[in-house]
């Protein structure tokens, strides 16, 4: 169980009610994005953040990245799994 908690409702409110993002969707450079698709993307990013990414938060805080030699950084295994999920 992760300590991460998102506030997707607040993010959607700001994007669509405060900043009226839907006015820009469907026109370049966002021609292929409509409000329903944007909400779907937000839901998927929230799912990733609260599952695959969140699993590495504690490990990243406690262990972190370390440089083993000039230009070579070693990440904890949990962070590698999170990056794999991202890519």
PDB file of N, CA and C in Angstrom:
ATOM      1  N   UNK A   1       0.849  -1.184   0.000  1.00  0.00           N
ATOM      2  CA  UNK A   1       0.000   0.000   0.000  1.00  0.00           C
ATOM      3  C   UNK A   1       0.886   1.236   0.000  1.00  0.00           C
ATOM      4  N   UNK A   2       0.620   2.118  -0.873  1.00  0.00           N
ATOM      5  CA  UNK A   2       1.433   3.327  -1.014  1.00  0.00           C
ATOM      6  C   UNK A   2       0.882   4.473  -0.178  1.00  0.00           C
ATOM      7  N   UNK A   3       1.737   5.396   0.114  1.00  0.00           N
ATOM      8  CA  UNK A   3       1.320   6.602   0.816  1.00  0.00           C
ATOM      9  C   UNK A   3       0.828   7.676  -0.150  1.00  0.00           C
ATOM     10  N   UNK A   4       0.959   7.429  -1.444  1.00  0.00           N
ATOM     11  CA  UNK A   4       0.558   8.414  -2.451  1.00  0.00           C
ATOM     12  C   UNK A   4      -0.959   8.499  -2.560  1.00  0.00           C
ATOM     13  N   UNK A   5      -1.469   9.710  -2.561  1.00  0.00           N
ATOM     14  CA  UNK A   5      -2.899   9.953  -2.762  1.00  0.00           C
ATOM     15  C   UNK A   5      -3.055  11.062  -3.793  1.00  0.00           C
ATOM     16  N   UNK A   6      -3.746  10.765  -4.858  1.00  0.00           N
ATOM     17  CA  UNK A   6      -3.973  11.789  -5.874  1.00  0.00           C
ATOM     18  C   UNK A   6      -5.293  12.503  -5.596  1.00  0.00           C
ATOM     19  N   UNK A   7      -5.462  13.638  -6.223  1.00  0.00           N
ATOM     20  CA  UNK A   7      -6.718  14.368  -6.110  1.00  0.00           C
ATOM     21  C   UNK A   7      -7.196  14.657  -7.531  1.00  0.00           C
ATOM     22  N   UNK A   8      -7.600  13.596  -8.208  1.00  0.00           N
ATOM     23  CA  UNK A   8      -8.003  13.690  -9.601  1.00  0.00           C
ATOM     24  C   UNK A   8      -9.206  14.605  -9.793  1.00  0.00           C
ATOM     25  N   UNK A   9     -10.101  14.600  -8.846  1.00  0.00           N
ATOM     26  CA  UNK A   9     -11.286  15.462  -8.943  1.00  0.00           C
ATOM     27  C   UNK A   9     -10.884  16.940  -8.960  1.00  0.00           C
ATOM     28  N   UNK A  10      -9.926  17.312  -8.103  1.00  0.00           N
ATOM     29  CA  UNK A  10      -9.451  18.688  -8.047  1.00  0.00           C
ATOM     30  C   UNK A  10      -8.704  19.069  -9.329  1.00  0.00           C
ATOM     31  N   UNK A  11      -7.902  18.147  -9.851  1.00  0.00           N
ATOM     32  CA  UNK A  11      -7.168  18.405 -11.095  1.00  0.00           C
ATOM     33  C   UNK A  11      -8.144  18.628 -12.243  1.00  0.00           C
ATOM     34  N   UNK A  12      -9.154  17.764 -12.370  1.00  0.00           N
ATOM     35  CA  UNK A  12     -10.151  17.906 -13.431  1.00  0.00           C
ATOM     36  C   UNK A  12     -10.931  19.210 -13.272  1.00  0.00           C
ATOM     37  N   UNK A  13     -11.277  19.562 -12.048  1.00  0.00           N
ATOM     38  CA  UNK A  13     -11.980  20.826 -11.816  1.00  0.00           C
ATOM     39  C   UNK A  13     -11.143  22.004 -12.298  1.00  0.00           C
ATOM     40  N   UNK A  14      -9.872  22.031 -11.929  1.00  0.00           N
ATOM     41  CA  UNK A  14      -9.008  23.138 -12.359  1.00  0.00           C
ATOM     42  C   UNK A  14      -8.856  23.186 -13.872  1.00  0.00           C
ATOM     43  N   UNK A  15      -8.637  22.029 -14.488  1.00  0.00           N
ATOM     44  CA  UNK A  15      -8.438  22.007 -15.937  1.00  0.00           C
ATOM     45  C   UNK A  15      -9.680  22.419 -16.714  1.00  0.00           C
ATOM     46  N   UNK A  16     -10.837  21.906 -16.305  1.00  0.00           N
ATOM     47  CA  UNK A  16     -12.034  22.093 -17.122  1.00  0.00           C
ATOM     48  C   UNK A  16     -12.957  23.208 -16.641  1.00  0.00           C
ATOM     49  N   UNK A  17     -12.979  23.494 -15.356  1.00  0.00           N
ATOM     50  CA  UNK A  17     -13.871  24.538 -14.847  1.00  0.00           C
ATOM     51  C   UNK A  17     -13.159  25.872 -14.673  1.00  0.00           C
ATOM     52  N   UNK A  18     -11.923  25.840 -14.197  1.00  0.00           N
ATOM     53  CA  UNK A  18     -11.191  27.085 -13.943  1.00  0.00           C
ATOM     54  C   UNK A  18     -10.485  27.568 -15.203  1.00  0.00           C
ATOM     55  N   UNK A  19      -9.716  26.670 -15.833  1.00  0.00           N
ATOM     56  CA  UNK A  19      -8.901  27.071 -16.983  1.00  0.00           C
ATOM     57  C   UNK A  19      -9.565  26.826 -18.336  1.00  0.00           C
ATOM     58  N   UNK A  20     -10.744  26.200 -18.360  1.00  0.00           N
ATOM     59  CA  UNK A  20     -11.513  25.948 -19.586  1.00  0.00           C
ATOM     60  C   UNK A  20     -10.655  25.294 -20.684  1.00  0.00           C
ATOM     61  N   UNK A  21      -9.953  24.243 -20.301  1.00  0.00           N
ATOM     62  CA  UNK A  21      -9.073  23.534 -21.227  1.00  0.00           C
ATOM     63  C   UNK A  21      -9.831  22.980 -22.432  1.00  0.00           C
ATOM     64  N   UNK A  22     -11.100  22.637 -22.256  1.00  0.00           N
ATOM     65  CA  UNK A  22     -11.872  22.053 -23.361  1.00  0.00           C
ATOM     66  C   UNK A  22     -11.977  22.990 -24.561  1.00  0.00           C
ATOM     67  N   UNK A  23     -11.780  24.285 -24.360  1.00  0.00           N
ATOM     68  CA  UNK A  23     -11.820  25.238 -25.477  1.00  0.00           C
ATOM     69  C   UNK A  23     -10.657  25.030 -26.441  1.00  0.00           C
ATOM     70  N   UNK A  24      -9.569  24.448 -25.953  1.00  0.00           N
ATOM     71  CA  UNK A  24      -8.381  24.242 -26.788  1.00  0.00           C
ATOM     72  C   UNK A  24      -8.325  22.848 -27.382  1.00  0.00           C
ATOM     73  N   UNK A  25      -9.109  21.933 -26.854  1.00  0.00           N
ATOM     74  CA  UNK A  25      -9.091  20.561 -27.346  1.00  0.00           C
ATOM     75  C   UNK A  25      -9.835  20.480 -28.672  1.00  0.00           C
ATOM     76  N   UNK A  26      -9.336  19.652 -29.575  1.00  0.00           N
ATOM     77  CA  UNK A  26      -9.942  19.496 -30.885  1.00  0.00           C
ATOM     78  C   UNK A  26      -9.393  20.457 -31.918  1.00  0.00           C
ATOM     79  N   UNK A  27      -8.509  21.362 -31.514  1.00  0.00           N
ATOM     80  CA  UNK A  27      -7.878  22.323 -32.428  1.00  0.00           C
ATOM     81  C   UNK A  27      -6.360  22.194 -32.273  1.00  0.00           C
ATOM     82  N   UNK A  28      -5.622  22.491 -33.328  1.00  0.00           N
ATOM     83  CA  UNK A  28      -4.162  22.358 -33.232  1.00  0.00           C
ATOM     84  C   UNK A  28      -3.609  23.162 -32.063  1.00  0.00           C
ATOM     85  N   UNK A  29      -2.657  22.672 -31.363  1.00  0.00           N
ATOM     86  CA  UNK A  29      -1.927  21.410 -31.527  1.00  0.00           C
ATOM     87  C   UNK A  29      -2.580  20.227 -30.814  1.00  0.00           C
ATOM     88  N   UNK A  30      -3.814  20.376 -30.353  1.00  0.00           N
ATOM     89  CA  UNK A  30      -4.517  19.307 -29.627  1.00  0.00           C
ATOM     90  C   UNK A  30      -5.681  18.753 -30.452  1.00  0.00           C
ATOM     91  N   UNK A  31      -5.494  18.650 -31.757  1.00  0.00           N
ATOM     92  CA  UNK A  31      -6.576  18.270 -32.660  1.00  0.00           C
ATOM     93  C   UNK A  31      -7.136  16.869 -32.378  1.00  0.00           C
ATOM     94  N   UNK A  32      -6.315  15.962 -31.903  1.00  0.00           N
ATOM     95  CA  UNK A  32      -6.772  14.592 -31.685  1.00  0.00           C
ATOM     96  C   UNK A  32      -7.265  14.347 -30.262  1.00  0.00           C
ATOM     97  N   UNK A  33      -7.364  15.388 -29.465  1.00  0.00           N
ATOM     98  CA  UNK A  33      -7.759  15.243 -28.065  1.00  0.00           C
ATOM     99  C   UNK A  33      -9.109  15.908 -27.845  1.00  0.00           C
ATOM    100  N   UNK A  34     -10.052  15.150 -27.287  1.00  0.00           N
ATOM    101  CA  UNK A  34     -11.339  15.728 -26.893  1.00  0.00           C
ATOM    102  C   UNK A  34     -11.443  15.621 -25.367  1.00  0.00           C
ATOM    103  N   UNK A  35     -12.426  16.266 -24.750  1.00  0.00           N
ATOM    104  CA  UNK A  35     -12.514  16.234 -23.282  1.00  0.00           C
ATOM    105  C   UNK A  35     -12.601  14.831 -22.690  1.00  0.00           C
ATOM    106  N   UNK A  36     -13.323  13.920 -23.338  1.00  0.00           N
ATOM    107  CA  UNK A  36     -13.426  12.555 -22.811  1.00  0.00           C
ATOM    108  C   UNK A  36     -12.075  11.835 -22.864  1.00  0.00           C
ATOM    109  N   UNK A  37     -11.343  12.037 -23.951  1.00  0.00           N
ATOM    110  CA  UNK A  37     -10.018  11.433 -24.070  1.00  0.00           C
ATOM    111  C   UNK A  37      -9.072  12.028 -23.029  1.00  0.00           C
ATOM    112  N   UNK A  38      -9.142  13.338 -22.824  1.00  0.00           N
ATOM    113  CA  UNK A  38      -8.296  13.990 -21.818  1.00  0.00           C
ATOM    114  C   UNK A  38      -8.583  13.433 -20.429  1.00  0.00           C
ATOM    115  N   UNK A  39      -9.842  13.239 -20.114  1.00  0.00           N
ATOM    116  CA  UNK A  39     -10.192  12.652 -18.808  1.00  0.00           C
ATOM    117  C   UNK A  39      -9.700  11.215 -18.702  1.00  0.00           C
ATOM    118  N   UNK A  40      -9.758  10.475 -19.806  1.00  0.00           N
ATOM    119  CA  UNK A  40      -9.231   9.112 -19.817  1.00  0.00           C
ATOM    120  C   UNK A  40      -7.731   9.076 -19.584  1.00  0.00           C
ATOM    121  N   UNK A  41      -7.021  10.013 -20.190  1.00  0.00           N
ATOM    122  CA  UNK A  41      -5.572  10.109 -19.980  1.00  0.00           C
ATOM    123  C   UNK A  41      -5.281  10.428 -18.516  1.00  0.00           C
ATOM    124  N   UNK A  42      -6.025  11.373 -17.950  1.00  0.00           N
ATOM    125  CA  UNK A  42      -5.842  11.706 -16.532  1.00  0.00           C
ATOM    126  C   UNK A  42      -6.089  10.490 -15.645  1.00  0.00           C
ATOM    127  N   UNK A  43      -7.126   9.720 -15.942  1.00  0.00           N
ATOM    128  CA  UNK A  43      -7.419   8.517 -15.154  1.00  0.00           C
ATOM    129  C   UNK A  43      -6.290   7.494 -15.254  1.00  0.00           C
ATOM    130  N   UNK A  44      -5.739   7.314 -16.442  1.00  0.00           N
ATOM    131  CA  UNK A  44      -4.663   6.345 -16.630  1.00  0.00           C
ATOM    132  C   UNK A  44      -3.383   6.799 -15.931  1.00  0.00           C
ATOM    133  N   UNK A  45      -3.061   8.075 -16.001  1.00  0.00           N
ATOM    134  CA  UNK A  45      -1.877   8.593 -15.315  1.00  0.00           C
ATOM    135  C   UNK A  45      -2.048   8.457 -13.803  1.00  0.00           C
ATOM    136  N   UNK A  46      -3.253   8.706 -13.314  1.00  0.00           N
ATOM    137  CA  UNK A  46      -3.522   8.536 -11.883  1.00  0.00           C
ATOM    138  C   UNK A  46      -3.360   7.074 -11.474  1.00  0.00           C
ATOM    139  N   UNK A  47      -3.818   6.154 -12.318  1.00  0.00           N
ATOM    140  CA  UNK A  47      -3.667   4.729 -12.022  1.00  0.00           C
ATOM    141  C   UNK A  47      -2.193   4.353 -11.969  1.00  0.00           C
ATOM    142  N   UNK A  48      -1.420   4.804 -12.940  1.00  0.00           N
ATOM    143  CA  UNK A  48       0.014   4.516 -12.947  1.00  0.00           C
ATOM    144  C   UNK A  48       0.702   5.110 -11.718  1.00  0.00           C
ATOM    145  N   UNK A  49       0.354   6.351 -11.388  1.00  0.00           N
ATOM    146  CA  UNK A  49       0.989   7.027 -10.255  1.00  0.00           C
ATOM    147  C   UNK A  49       0.678   6.335  -8.939  1.00  0.00           C
ATOM    148  N   UNK A  50      -0.523   5.794  -8.800  1.00  0.00           N
ATOM    149  CA  UNK A  50      -0.896   5.183  -7.524  1.00  0.00           C
ATOM    150  C   UNK A  50      -0.576   3.690  -7.461  1.00  0.00           C
ATOM    151  N   UNK A  51      -0.107   3.104  -8.550  1.00  0.00           N
ATOM    152  CA  UNK A  51       0.263   1.682  -8.520  1.00  0.00           C
ATOM    153  C   UNK A  51       1.738   1.513  -8.878  1.00  0.00           C
ATOM    154  N   UNK A  52       2.056   1.493 -10.151  1.00  0.00           N
ATOM    155  CA  UNK A  52       3.416   1.188 -10.606  1.00  0.00           C
ATOM    156  C   UNK A  52       4.447   2.197 -10.104  1.00  0.00           C
ATOM    157  N   UNK A  53       4.140   3.472 -10.153  1.00  0.00           N
ATOM    158  CA  UNK A  53       5.102   4.484  -9.698  1.00  0.00           C
ATOM    159  C   UNK A  53       5.185   4.513  -8.179  1.00  0.00           C
ATOM    160  N   UNK A  54       4.061   4.415  -7.516  1.00  0.00           N
ATOM    161  CA  UNK A  54       4.017   4.532  -6.055  1.00  0.00           C
ATOM    162  C   UNK A  54       4.801   3.424  -5.366  1.00  0.00           C
ATOM    163  N   UNK A  55       4.909   2.274  -6.010  1.00  0.00           N
ATOM    164  CA  UNK A  55       5.643   1.172  -5.401  1.00  0.00           C
ATOM    165  C   UNK A  55       7.101   1.528  -5.146  1.00  0.00           C
ATOM    166  N   UNK A  56       7.641   2.455  -5.911  1.00  0.00           N
ATOM    167  CA  UNK A  56       9.059   2.800  -5.762  1.00  0.00           C
ATOM    168  C   UNK A  56       9.287   4.043  -4.907  1.00  0.00           C
ATOM    169  N   UNK A  57       8.241   4.703  -4.433  1.00  0.00           N
ATOM    170  CA  UNK A  57       8.422   5.936  -3.667  1.00  0.00           C
ATOM    171  C   UNK A  57       9.226   5.715  -2.392  1.00  0.00           C
ATOM    172  N   UNK A  58       8.856   4.714  -1.599  1.00  0.00           N
ATOM    173  CA  UNK A  58       9.541   4.475  -0.331  1.00  0.00           C
ATOM    174  C   UNK A  58      10.986   4.063  -0.590  1.00  0.00           C
ATOM    175  N   UNK A  59      11.169   3.144  -1.519  1.00  0.00           N
ATOM    176  CA  UNK A  59      12.520   2.687  -1.846  1.00  0.00           C
ATOM    177  C   UNK A  59      13.369   3.841  -2.377  1.00  0.00           C
ATOM    178  N   UNK A  60      12.780   4.680  -3.204  1.00  0.00           N
ATOM    179  CA  UNK A  60      13.509   5.825  -3.730  1.00  0.00           C
ATOM    180  C   UNK A  60      13.876   6.825  -2.653  1.00  0.00           C
ATOM    181  N   UNK A  61      12.984   7.006  -1.671  1.00  0.00           N
ATOM    182  CA  UNK A  61      13.268   7.922  -0.566  1.00  0.00           C
ATOM    183  C   UNK A  61      14.346   7.378   0.358  1.00  0.00           C
ATOM    184  N   UNK A  62      14.302   6.080   0.628  1.00  0.00           N
ATOM    185  CA  UNK A  62      15.228   5.495   1.605  1.00  0.00           C
ATOM    186  C   UNK A  62      16.575   5.125   1.014  1.00  0.00           C
ATOM    187  N   UNK A  63      16.573   4.648  -0.223  1.00  0.00           N
ATOM    188  CA  UNK A  63      17.828   4.210  -0.840  1.00  0.00           C
ATOM    189  C   UNK A  63      18.328   5.267  -1.827  1.00  0.00           C
ATOM    190  N   UNK A  64      17.469   5.630  -2.755  1.00  0.00           N
ATOM    191  CA  UNK A  64      17.822   6.648  -3.740  1.00  0.00           C
ATOM    192  C   UNK A  64      18.805   6.154  -4.788  1.00  0.00           C
ATOM    193  N   UNK A  65      19.101   7.021  -5.720  1.00  0.00           N
ATOM    194  CA  UNK A  65      20.068   6.710  -6.773  1.00  0.00           C
ATOM    195  C   UNK A  65      21.473   6.935  -6.225  1.00  0.00           C
ATOM    196  N   UNK A  66      22.427   6.193  -6.739  1.00  0.00           N
ATOM    197  CA  UNK A  66      23.815   6.402  -6.327  1.00  0.00           C
ATOM    198  C   UNK A  66      24.718   6.341  -7.546  1.00  0.00           C
ATOM    199  N   UNK A  67      25.736   7.164  -7.516  1.00  0.00           N
ATOM    200  CA  UNK A  67      26.697   7.198  -8.609  1.00  0.00           C
ATOM    201  C   UNK A  67      27.842   6.261  -8.243  1.00  0.00           C
ATOM    202  N   UNK A  68      28.091   5.263  -9.099  1.00  0.00           N
ATOM    203  CA  UNK A  68      29.150   4.296  -8.812  1.00  0.00           C
ATOM    204  C   UNK A  68      30.473   4.704  -9.436  1.00  0.00           C
ATOM    205  N   UNK A  69      30.410   5.434 -10.512  1.00  0.00           N
ATOM    206  CA  UNK A  69      31.608   5.994 -11.139  1.00  0.00           C
ATOM    207  C   UNK A  69      31.155   7.182 -11.970  1.00  0.00           C
ATOM    208  N   UNK A  70      32.071   7.916 -12.463  1.00  0.00           N
ATOM    209  CA  UNK A  70      31.745   9.119 -13.234  1.00  0.00           C
ATOM    210  C   UNK A  70      30.794   8.786 -14.388  1.00  0.00           C
ATOM    211  N   UNK A  71      29.558   9.330 -14.335  1.00  0.00           N
ATOM    212  CA  UNK A  71      28.591   9.149 -15.409  1.00  0.00           C
ATOM    213  C   UNK A  71      27.755   7.885 -15.325  1.00  0.00           C
ATOM    214  N   UNK A  72      27.930   7.066 -14.289  1.00  0.00           N
ATOM    215  CA  UNK A  72      27.162   5.841 -14.140  1.00  0.00           C
ATOM    216  C   UNK A  72      26.343   5.918 -12.853  1.00  0.00           C
ATOM    217  N   UNK A  73      25.027   5.849 -12.997  1.00  0.00           N
ATOM    218  CA  UNK A  73      24.126   5.931 -11.856  1.00  0.00           C
ATOM    219  C   UNK A  73      23.385   4.604 -11.722  1.00  0.00           C
ATOM    220  N   UNK A  74      23.294   4.110 -10.510  1.00  0.00           N
ATOM    221  CA  UNK A  74      22.575   2.869 -10.221  1.00  0.00           C
ATOM    222  C   UNK A  74      21.299   3.235  -9.472  1.00  0.00           C
ATOM    223  N   UNK A  75      20.170   2.731  -9.980  1.00  0.00           N
ATOM    224  CA  UNK A  75      18.875   2.969  -9.352  1.00  0.00           C
ATOM    225  C   UNK A  75      18.422   1.727  -8.603  1.00  0.00           C
ATOM    226  N   UNK A  76      17.663   1.895  -7.520  1.00  0.00           N
ATOM    227  CA  UNK A  76      17.077   0.732  -6.855  1.00  0.00           C
ATOM    228  C   UNK A  76      16.139  -0.008  -7.810  1.00  0.00           C
ATOM    229  N   UNK A  77      15.962  -1.288  -7.587  1.00  0.00           N
ATOM    230  CA  UNK A  77      15.159  -2.123  -8.483  1.00  0.00           C
ATOM    231  C   UNK A  77      13.724  -1.612  -8.631  1.00  0.00           C
ATOM    232  N   UNK A  78      13.124  -1.114  -7.560  1.00  0.00           N
ATOM    233  CA  UNK A  78      11.764  -0.584  -7.642  1.00  0.00           C
ATOM    234  C   UNK A  78      11.657   0.610  -8.569  1.00  0.00           C
ATOM    235  N   UNK A  79      12.671   1.459  -8.554  1.00  0.00           N
ATOM    236  CA  UNK A  79      12.666   2.612  -9.464  1.00  0.00           C
ATOM    237  C   UNK A  79      12.805   2.145 -10.912  1.00  0.00           C
ATOM    238  N   UNK A  80      13.610   1.113 -11.137  1.00  0.00           N
ATOM    239  CA  UNK A  80      13.733   0.560 -12.495  1.00  0.00           C
ATOM    240  C   UNK A  80      12.395   0.018 -12.990  1.00  0.00           C
ATOM    241  N   UNK A  81      11.656  -0.667 -12.112  1.00  0.00           N
ATOM    242  CA  UNK A  81      10.345  -1.195 -12.504  1.00  0.00           C
ATOM    243  C   UNK A  81       9.374  -0.048 -12.830  1.00  0.00           C
ATOM    244  N   UNK A  82       9.427   1.027 -12.048  1.00  0.00           N
ATOM    245  CA  UNK A  82       8.574   2.192 -12.317  1.00  0.00           C
ATOM    246  C   UNK A  82       8.920   2.822 -13.655  1.00  0.00           C
ATOM    247  N   UNK A  83      10.187   2.946 -13.942  1.00  0.00           N
ATOM    248  CA  UNK A  83      10.599   3.510 -15.239  1.00  0.00           C
ATOM    249  C   UNK A  83      10.185   2.601 -16.385  1.00  0.00           C
ATOM    250  N   UNK A  84      10.277   1.287 -16.200  1.00  0.00           N
ATOM    251  CA  UNK A  84       9.807   0.360 -17.233  1.00  0.00           C
ATOM    252  C   UNK A  84       8.324   0.541 -17.489  1.00  0.00           C
ATOM    253  N   UNK A  85       7.538   0.724 -16.441  1.00  0.00           N
ATOM    254  CA  UNK A  85       6.098   0.940 -16.599  1.00  0.00           C
ATOM    255  C   UNK A  85       5.834   2.244 -17.350  1.00  0.00           C
ATOM    256  N   UNK A  86       6.628   3.254 -17.079  1.00  0.00           N
ATOM    257  CA  UNK A  86       6.478   4.549 -17.749  1.00  0.00           C
ATOM    258  C   UNK A  86       6.756   4.423 -19.244  1.00  0.00           C
ATOM    259  N   UNK A  87       7.886   3.790 -19.570  1.00  0.00           N
ATOM    260  CA  UNK A  87       8.273   3.694 -20.980  1.00  0.00           C
ATOM    261  C   UNK A  87       7.474   2.621 -21.691  1.00  0.00           C
TER     262      UNK A  87
END
